Amino acid sequence: MDEIEQETKTLLKEGHKRILLICGETPRNDIDYICNAIRRTYAARNGKDYVRRINVELAPMSVEDFRKLKAEKIGTYVCFQETYDPIAYQQFHPAGSPKADYENRLLVMDRAMEGGIDDVGLGVLFGLVDYRFEVLALVEHAAHLESVFGCGPHTISFPRIEPADGVEFTQHIPNPVSDDDFKKIIAIIRIAMPYTGIILSTRENDKIRNELIEYGVSQVSAGSRTNPGAYSDEEEGTGSQFSLGDHRSLDEVISDMIDGGYIPSFCTGCYRKGRVGNDFMDLAKPGLIKQFCMPNGLFTFREYLNDFASPATREKGLKLMETLIKQIQNENLQKTVQENVQKIDKGERDIYL
């Protein structure tokens, strides 16, 4: 737990406000251990800074355990199916491994939502089987959740296989996905599910990540490490989960986003206002969520510029903010944004609508 707290403090020093707690498949990760880790992460402080929302990625659990997880005030629960092809799934997860039960994993989101988890995140590992099958399966899984619970996935992640220590087939990917096909995948899911957050990890290099924002990616990680302990000690030799393609720091990622006319949002307002699950979808599907997302994104961006940004990033970030605020058509909203930005400049933090 001390190591978890130290890793969290290091991330806070860089300016992060939202993190993903990846818990793996080990039996050590029982629900009590996970809950303790979440509490310790929320309790970590770097001066006045703290983690405002934790998303959790961990192995399938029971409905009862999901109820306990819900009580810890997490954001989104994430679990990748890896592949929806049951035959290939058995090939890659042989009997005896914790993940060998295909149906247990396939139905995990049903149990999560039955246990009170409002927001869930889907994903597959592209490269295992034909990507066209996986895309159709993702759409069908989302349609199932809509039908049963009235709420589709909050996020979908799009990892492609990268070389991994001790995994031979990652050196010879069974069904590789080209960059052009990857762009098509992102575009199709964005059209099919305009309400969902599309996540792209640091597996991909900076060039393709910047380009894929144009195709519908809405969330990117920044400054990630895949070997435990590597945030507080970059030389930590615990072994990487997979190879990284983007080695930019958080500030460098944000700088490139600004150059593209985008701002990063560290917003966690919807989680804390209760705009989650069906309530979030009611706003997201018709596009009304923008009236909250845009201002809250600007507020958290201003915090980053004032507290953590390099001088060059801050200078061009402030110029972009000025331009975007002037573009807000609703006069009352524009005034509210300007007033809250002034409060942030005077030292107030964690303002959200």
Protein backbone atom coordinates (compact mmCIF):
# COMPACT_ATOMS: atom_id res chain seq x y z
CA MET A 1 0.00 0.00 0.00
CA ASP A 2 2.91 2.36 0.66
CA GLU A 3 4.15 1.72 -2.88
CA ILE A 4 0.69 2.44 -4.31
CA GLU A 5 0.59 5.74 -2.44
CA GLN A 6 4.06 6.70 -3.67
CA GLU A 7 3.15 5.94 -7.29
CA THR A 8 0.03 8.07 -6.90
CA LYS A 9 1.97 11.01 -5.46
CA THR A 10 4.35 10.90 -8.41
CA LEU A 11 1.44 11.08 -10.84
CA LEU A 12 -0.07 13.97 -8.89
CA LYS A 13 3.19 15.90 -9.18
CA GLU A 14 2.88 15.68 -12.97
CA GLY A 15 -0.65 17.09 -12.95
CA HIS A 16 -2.82 14.00 -13.32
CA LYS A 17 -6.30 14.10 -11.77
CA ARG A 18 -7.82 10.89 -13.15
CA ILE A 19 -6.08 7.53 -13.11
CA LEU A 20 -6.75 3.94 -14.09
CA LEU A 21 -5.99 1.35 -11.43
CA ILE A 22 -5.00 -1.84 -13.27
CA CYS A 23 -5.33 -4.85 -11.01
CA GLY A 24 -4.58 -7.90 -13.15
CA GLU A 25 -5.74 -11.49 -12.64
CA THR A 26 -3.74 -12.65 -9.61
CA PRO A 27 -5.75 -14.27 -6.77
CA ARG A 28 -4.07 -11.78 -4.43
CA ASN A 29 -6.37 -9.15 -5.86
CA ASP A 30 -9.42 -10.05 -3.78
CA ILE A 31 -12.07 -7.38 -3.31
CA ASP A 32 -10.78 -6.29 0.11
CA TYR A 33 -7.28 -5.73 -1.27
CA ILE A 34 -8.71 -3.78 -4.22
CA CYS A 35 -10.88 -1.62 -1.96
CA ASN A 36 -7.89 -0.86 0.27
CA ALA A 37 -5.84 0.11 -2.78
CA ILE A 38 -8.59 2.45 -3.98
CA ARG A 39 -8.86 4.11 -0.56
CA ARG A 40 -5.10 4.54 -0.33
CA THR A 41 -5.02 6.05 -3.82
CA TYR A 42 -7.79 8.52 -3.01
CA ALA A 43 -6.06 9.41 0.27
CA ALA A 44 -2.72 10.28 -1.38
CA ARG A 45 -1.86 13.97 -1.44
CA ASN A 46 0.68 16.18 -3.14
CA GLY A 47 0.11 19.48 -1.37
CA LYS A 48 -3.46 20.47 -2.28
CA ASP A 49 -3.64 18.01 -5.19
CA TYR A 50 -5.40 14.66 -5.02
CA VAL A 51 -6.87 12.06 -7.37
CA ARG A 52 -10.42 13.11 -8.17
CA ARG A 53 -11.59 9.90 -9.80
CA ILE A 54 -10.28 6.37 -10.18
CA ASN A 55 -11.30 4.07 -13.00
CA VAL A 56 -10.65 0.40 -12.28
CA GLU A 57 -9.59 -2.42 -14.59
CA LEU A 58 -9.71 -5.82 -12.95
CA ALA A 59 -10.75 -9.40 -13.48
CA PRO A 60 -14.41 -10.53 -13.49
CA MET A 61 -16.07 -10.68 -10.07
CA SER A 62 -19.38 -11.61 -8.46
CA VAL A 63 -22.34 -9.26 -8.16
CA GLU A 64 -21.70 -9.01 -4.42
CA ASP A 65 -18.10 -7.93 -4.99
CA PHE A 66 -19.21 -5.36 -7.55
CA ARG A 67 -21.51 -3.86 -4.90
CA LYS A 68 -18.46 -3.44 -2.65
CA LEU A 69 -16.53 -1.87 -5.53
CA LYS A 70 -19.39 0.56 -6.19
CA ALA A 71 -19.24 1.71 -2.56
CA GLU A 72 -15.65 2.90 -3.11
CA LYS A 73 -16.86 5.63 -5.51
CA ILE A 74 -15.02 4.45 -8.59
CA GLY A 75 -15.59 5.96 -12.00
CA THR A 76 -15.70 3.39 -14.81
CA TYR A 77 -15.20 -0.36 -14.44
CA VAL A 78 -13.13 -1.72 -17.32
CA CYS A 79 -12.64 -5.30 -18.46
CA PHE A 80 -11.50 -6.38 -21.93
CA GLN A 81 -13.01 -9.48 -23.49
CA GLU A 82 -9.65 -9.92 -25.33
CA THR A 83 -11.53 -11.68 -28.16
CA TYR A 84 -15.21 -12.44 -28.67
CA ASP A 85 -14.37 -15.55 -30.72
CA PRO A 86 -14.97 -18.44 -28.26
CA ILE A 87 -12.72 -20.87 -30.14
CA ALA A 88 -9.82 -18.43 -30.34
CA TYR A 89 -10.46 -17.41 -26.73
CA GLN A 90 -9.84 -20.97 -25.56
CA GLN A 91 -6.70 -21.13 -27.69
CA PHE A 92 -5.24 -18.04 -26.04
CA HIS A 93 -6.57 -18.83 -22.55
CA PRO A 94 -6.02 -22.57 -21.98
CA ALA A 95 -7.66 -24.54 -19.19
CA GLY A 96 -6.12 -23.84 -15.81
CA SER A 97 -5.57 -20.13 -16.34
CA PRO A 98 -7.74 -17.70 -14.33
CA LYS A 99 -9.17 -16.32 -17.57
CA ALA A 100 -10.12 -19.66 -19.18
CA ASP A 101 -13.88 -19.29 -18.59
CA TYR A 102 -15.15 -17.48 -21.69
CA GLU A 103 -18.74 -16.98 -20.52
CA ASN A 104 -17.64 -15.73 -17.10
CA ARG A 105 -15.76 -12.95 -18.83
CA LEU A 106 -18.41 -12.32 -21.48
CA LEU A 107 -21.12 -11.73 -18.86
CA VAL A 108 -19.01 -9.68 -16.44
CA MET A 109 -20.59 -6.38 -17.50
CA ASP A 110 -24.06 -7.77 -16.74
CA ARG A 111 -22.92 -8.63 -13.22
CA ALA A 112 -21.19 -5.26 -12.83
CA MET A 113 -24.30 -3.31 -13.79
CA GLU A 114 -26.50 -5.57 -11.68
CA GLY A 115 -24.14 -4.77 -8.80
CA GLY A 116 -24.73 -1.05 -9.26
CA ILE A 117 -21.78 -0.04 -11.44
CA ASP A 118 -23.15 2.76 -13.62
CA ASP A 119 -20.36 3.08 -16.19
CA VAL A 120 -18.56 0.16 -17.83
CA GLY A 121 -15.76 0.04 -20.38
CA LEU A 122 -15.47 -2.59 -23.12
CA GLY A 123 -12.48 -3.56 -25.23
CA VAL A 124 -10.80 -6.26 -27.29
CA LEU A 125 -7.18 -6.92 -28.16
CA PHE A 126 -7.02 -6.34 -31.89
CA GLY A 127 -4.79 -8.76 -33.71
CA LEU A 128 -6.01 -12.05 -32.24
CA VAL A 129 -8.75 -12.70 -34.83
CA ASP A 130 -10.28 -10.93 -37.84
CA TYR A 131 -10.96 -7.36 -36.73
CA ARG A 132 -14.28 -7.27 -38.61
CA PHE A 133 -15.71 -9.95 -36.34
CA GLU A 134 -14.51 -8.11 -33.23
CA VAL A 135 -16.07 -4.81 -34.35
CA LEU A 136 -19.44 -6.49 -34.94
CA ALA A 137 -19.18 -8.23 -31.57
CA LEU A 138 -18.44 -4.95 -29.78
CA VAL A 139 -21.49 -3.35 -31.37
CA GLU A 140 -23.64 -6.34 -30.39
CA HIS A 141 -22.32 -6.29 -26.82
CA ALA A 142 -23.18 -2.60 -26.56
CA ALA A 143 -26.65 -3.29 -27.99
CA HIS A 144 -27.15 -6.04 -25.40
CA LEU A 145 -26.30 -3.68 -22.53
CA GLU A 146 -28.66 -1.08 -23.98
CA SER A 147 -31.45 -3.66 -24.24
CA VAL A 148 -31.06 -5.11 -20.74
CA PHE A 149 -29.92 -2.11 -18.69
CA GLY A 150 -30.88 0.84 -20.90
CA CYS A 151 -27.28 2.03 -20.93
CA GLY A 152 -24.47 1.30 -23.38
CA PRO A 153 -20.75 1.30 -22.57
CA HIS A 154 -19.25 4.49 -21.19
CA THR A 155 -15.97 3.75 -22.96
CA ILE A 156 -14.45 1.37 -25.50
CA SER A 157 -10.69 0.78 -25.67
CA PHE A 158 -8.76 -0.12 -28.81
CA PRO A 159 -5.43 -1.80 -28.03
CA ARG A 160 -3.46 -3.54 -30.76
CA ILE A 161 -1.12 -6.38 -29.82
CA GLU A 162 2.38 -5.22 -28.97
CA PRO A 163 5.42 -7.37 -28.08
CA ALA A 164 5.18 -8.68 -24.51
CA ASP A 165 7.77 -10.45 -22.37
CA GLY A 166 7.33 -14.23 -22.37
CA VAL A 167 4.51 -14.29 -24.94
CA GLU A 168 5.81 -15.86 -28.13
CA PHE A 169 2.85 -15.18 -30.42
CA THR A 170 3.19 -11.42 -29.90
CA GLN A 171 6.30 -11.66 -32.07
CA HIS A 172 4.14 -13.14 -34.86
CA ILE A 173 0.70 -11.52 -34.58
CA PRO A 174 -2.04 -13.89 -35.86
CA ASN A 175 -4.24 -11.22 -37.51
CA PRO A 176 -2.36 -7.92 -37.63
CA VAL A 177 -4.36 -4.72 -38.04
CA SER A 178 -2.84 -2.13 -40.38
CA ASP A 179 -2.91 1.58 -39.62
CA ASP A 180 -5.50 2.14 -42.36
CA ASP A 181 -7.76 -0.59 -40.98
CA PHE A 182 -7.24 0.79 -37.48
CA LYS A 183 -8.52 4.19 -38.63
CA LYS A 184 -11.54 2.48 -40.17
CA ILE A 185 -12.26 0.62 -36.92
CA ILE A 186 -12.18 3.85 -34.90
CA ALA A 187 -14.42 5.65 -37.41
CA ILE A 188 -16.98 2.82 -37.52
CA ILE A 189 -17.33 2.65 -33.74
CA ARG A 190 -17.56 6.44 -33.50
CA ILE A 191 -20.43 6.44 -36.02
CA ALA A 192 -22.14 3.42 -34.43
CA MET A 193 -21.78 4.72 -30.86
CA PRO A 194 -21.39 8.50 -30.93
CA TYR A 195 -22.10 8.67 -27.20
CA THR A 196 -19.19 6.51 -26.03
CA GLY A 197 -15.67 7.53 -25.05
CA ILE A 198 -13.06 6.01 -27.37
CA ILE A 199 -9.78 5.31 -25.58
CA LEU A 200 -6.35 4.96 -27.19
CA SER A 201 -3.43 3.91 -25.04
CA THR A 202 0.28 4.64 -25.24
CA ARG A 203 0.77 1.36 -27.09
CA GLU A 204 0.45 3.50 -30.23
CA ASN A 205 3.10 5.99 -31.31
CA ASP A 206 2.57 9.72 -31.07
CA LYS A 207 2.01 10.18 -34.82
CA ILE A 208 -0.88 7.72 -35.11
CA ARG A 209 -2.36 8.89 -31.79
CA ASN A 210 -2.47 12.50 -32.95
CA GLU A 211 -4.02 11.43 -36.25
CA LEU A 212 -6.66 9.15 -34.73
CA ILE A 213 -8.13 12.01 -32.70
CA GLU A 214 -9.47 13.19 -36.05
CA TYR A 215 -11.24 9.84 -36.50
CA GLY A 216 -13.05 9.86 -33.18
CA VAL A 217 -10.65 9.07 -30.34
CA SER A 218 -11.70 11.11 -27.31
CA GLN A 219 -9.47 9.84 -24.50
CA VAL A 220 -5.73 9.21 -24.48
CA SER A 221 -3.33 8.19 -21.76
CA ALA A 222 -0.18 10.23 -21.24
CA GLY A 223 3.16 9.47 -19.64
CA SER A 224 2.12 5.88 -18.95
CA ARG A 225 4.35 3.10 -17.61
CA THR A 226 3.51 -0.59 -17.90
CA ASN A 227 5.91 -2.02 -15.32
CA PRO A 228 4.76 -1.73 -11.69
CA GLY A 229 6.64 0.86 -9.66
CA ALA A 230 8.02 2.73 -12.67
CA TYR A 231 6.37 6.08 -11.98
CA SER A 232 8.35 6.72 -8.82
CA ASP A 233 11.39 4.79 -10.11
CA GLU A 234 11.86 4.78 -13.89
CA GLU A 235 14.57 2.12 -13.58
CA GLU A 236 12.20 -0.30 -11.85
CA GLY A 237 12.88 -3.71 -13.40
CA THR A 238 9.58 -5.42 -12.65
CA GLY A 239 8.92 -6.26 -16.31
CA SER A 240 6.58 -4.45 -18.71
CA GLN A 241 3.07 -5.59 -19.51
CA PHE A 242 3.66 -4.57 -23.14
CA SER A 243 5.86 -2.27 -25.22
CA LEU A 244 5.05 1.43 -25.37
CA GLY A 245 4.87 3.35 -28.63
CA ASP A 246 4.43 6.84 -27.18
CA HIS A 247 7.10 7.95 -24.73
CA ARG A 248 6.06 11.60 -24.45
CA SER A 249 5.52 13.18 -21.05
CA LEU A 250 2.12 14.51 -20.02
CA ASP A 251 3.25 18.06 -20.84
CA GLU A 252 4.47 17.01 -24.29
CA VAL A 253 1.19 15.26 -25.07
CA ILE A 254 -0.75 18.35 -24.03
CA SER A 255 1.54 20.61 -26.03
CA ASP A 256 0.88 18.60 -29.19
CA MET A 257 -2.87 18.63 -28.49
CA ILE A 258 -2.81 22.42 -28.25
CA ASP A 259 -1.00 22.58 -31.59
CA GLY A 260 -3.91 20.63 -33.06
CA GLY A 261 -6.48 23.03 -31.60
CA TYR A 262 -7.55 20.68 -28.78
CA ILE A 263 -7.56 21.08 -25.02
CA PRO A 264 -7.16 18.23 -22.54
CA SER A 265 -9.91 17.70 -19.99
CA PHE A 266 -9.12 16.40 -16.52
CA CYS A 267 -12.79 16.77 -15.63
CA THR A 268 -14.47 14.46 -13.12
CA GLY A 269 -17.58 16.60 -12.66
CA CYS A 270 -20.12 14.12 -14.05
CA TYR A 271 -19.04 11.40 -11.63
CA ARG A 272 -19.38 13.67 -8.64
CA LYS A 273 -22.59 15.34 -9.81
CA GLY A 274 -24.17 11.94 -10.39
CA ARG A 275 -24.36 12.34 -14.17
CA VAL A 276 -23.50 8.69 -14.75
CA GLY A 277 -25.13 5.66 -16.33
CA ASN A 278 -28.52 6.42 -17.85
CA ASP A 279 -28.41 10.06 -16.72
CA PHE A 280 -25.15 10.56 -18.61
CA MET A 281 -26.50 8.82 -21.71
CA ASP A 282 -29.62 11.01 -21.70
CA LEU A 283 -27.31 13.99 -22.09
CA ALA A 284 -24.64 12.38 -24.27
CA LYS A 285 -26.83 10.89 -27.00
CA PRO A 286 -28.46 14.19 -28.08
CA GLY A 287 -25.16 16.07 -27.56
CA LEU A 288 -26.36 18.08 -24.56
CA ILE A 289 -23.40 16.94 -22.45
CA LYS A 290 -21.30 19.56 -24.25
CA GLN A 291 -22.79 22.28 -22.05
CA PHE A 292 -20.97 20.63 -19.13
CA CYS A 293 -17.94 19.06 -20.84
CA MET A 294 -16.65 22.20 -22.53
CA PRO A 295 -16.70 24.47 -19.44
CA ASN A 296 -15.37 21.76 -17.12
CA GLY A 297 -12.63 20.91 -19.59
CA LEU A 298 -11.62 24.57 -19.71
CA PHE A 299 -11.56 24.80 -15.91
CA THR A 300 -9.32 21.75 -15.44
CA PHE A 301 -7.12 22.85 -18.32
CA ARG A 302 -6.64 26.23 -16.64
CA GLU A 303 -5.62 24.45 -13.45
CA TYR A 304 -3.00 22.46 -15.36
CA LEU A 305 -1.65 25.54 -17.13
CA ASN A 306 -1.32 27.45 -13.86
CA ASP A 307 0.08 24.64 -11.71
CA PHE A 308 2.05 22.23 -13.89
CA ALA A 309 2.61 23.34 -17.48
CA SER A 310 5.98 24.28 -18.90
CA PRO A 311 6.29 27.97 -19.85
CA ALA A 312 5.91 27.23 -23.58
CA THR A 313 2.87 25.01 -23.08
CA ARG A 314 1.28 27.54 -20.75
CA GLU A 315 1.75 30.42 -23.17
CA LYS A 316 0.07 28.74 -26.14
CA GLY A 317 -2.51 27.06 -23.91
CA LEU A 318 -3.70 30.40 -22.56
CA LYS A 319 -4.07 31.72 -26.11
CA LEU A 320 -6.14 28.71 -27.13
CA MET A 321 -8.34 29.07 -24.06
CA GLU A 322 -9.00 32.72 -24.89
CA THR A 323 -10.07 31.75 -28.41
CA LEU A 324 -12.35 28.94 -27.24
CA ILE A 325 -14.06 31.01 -24.57
CA LYS A 326 -14.89 33.69 -27.15
CA GLN A 327 -16.50 31.01 -29.30
CA ILE A 328 -19.06 30.07 -26.61
CA GLN A 329 -22.34 31.27 -28.12
CA ASN A 330 -24.45 31.25 -24.96
CA GLU A 331 -23.70 34.60 -23.33
CA ASN A 332 -24.63 33.47 -19.82
CA LEU A 333 -22.44 30.37 -20.11
CA GLN A 334 -19.56 32.43 -21.48
CA LYS A 335 -19.85 34.78 -18.52
CA THR A 336 -19.92 31.86 -16.07
CA VAL A 337 -16.80 30.37 -17.66
CA GLN A 338 -14.95 33.71 -17.53
CA GLU A 339 -15.87 34.21 -13.87
CA ASN A 340 -14.73 30.72 -12.87
CA VAL A 341 -11.48 31.05 -14.80
CA GLN A 342 -10.78 34.22 -12.81
CA LYS A 343 -11.43 32.29 -9.58
CA ILE A 344 -8.96 29.62 -10.69
CA ASP A 345 -6.34 32.28 -11.45
CA LYS A 346 -6.83 33.55 -7.88
CA GLY A 347 -6.14 30.10 -6.44
CA GLU A 348 -9.51 28.36 -6.28
CA ARG A 349 -9.48 24.75 -7.49
CA ASP A 350 -11.83 21.93 -8.41
CA ILE A 351 -14.59 24.03 -9.94
CA TYR A 352 -17.10 22.16 -12.07
CA LEU A 353 -20.64 22.52 -13.38
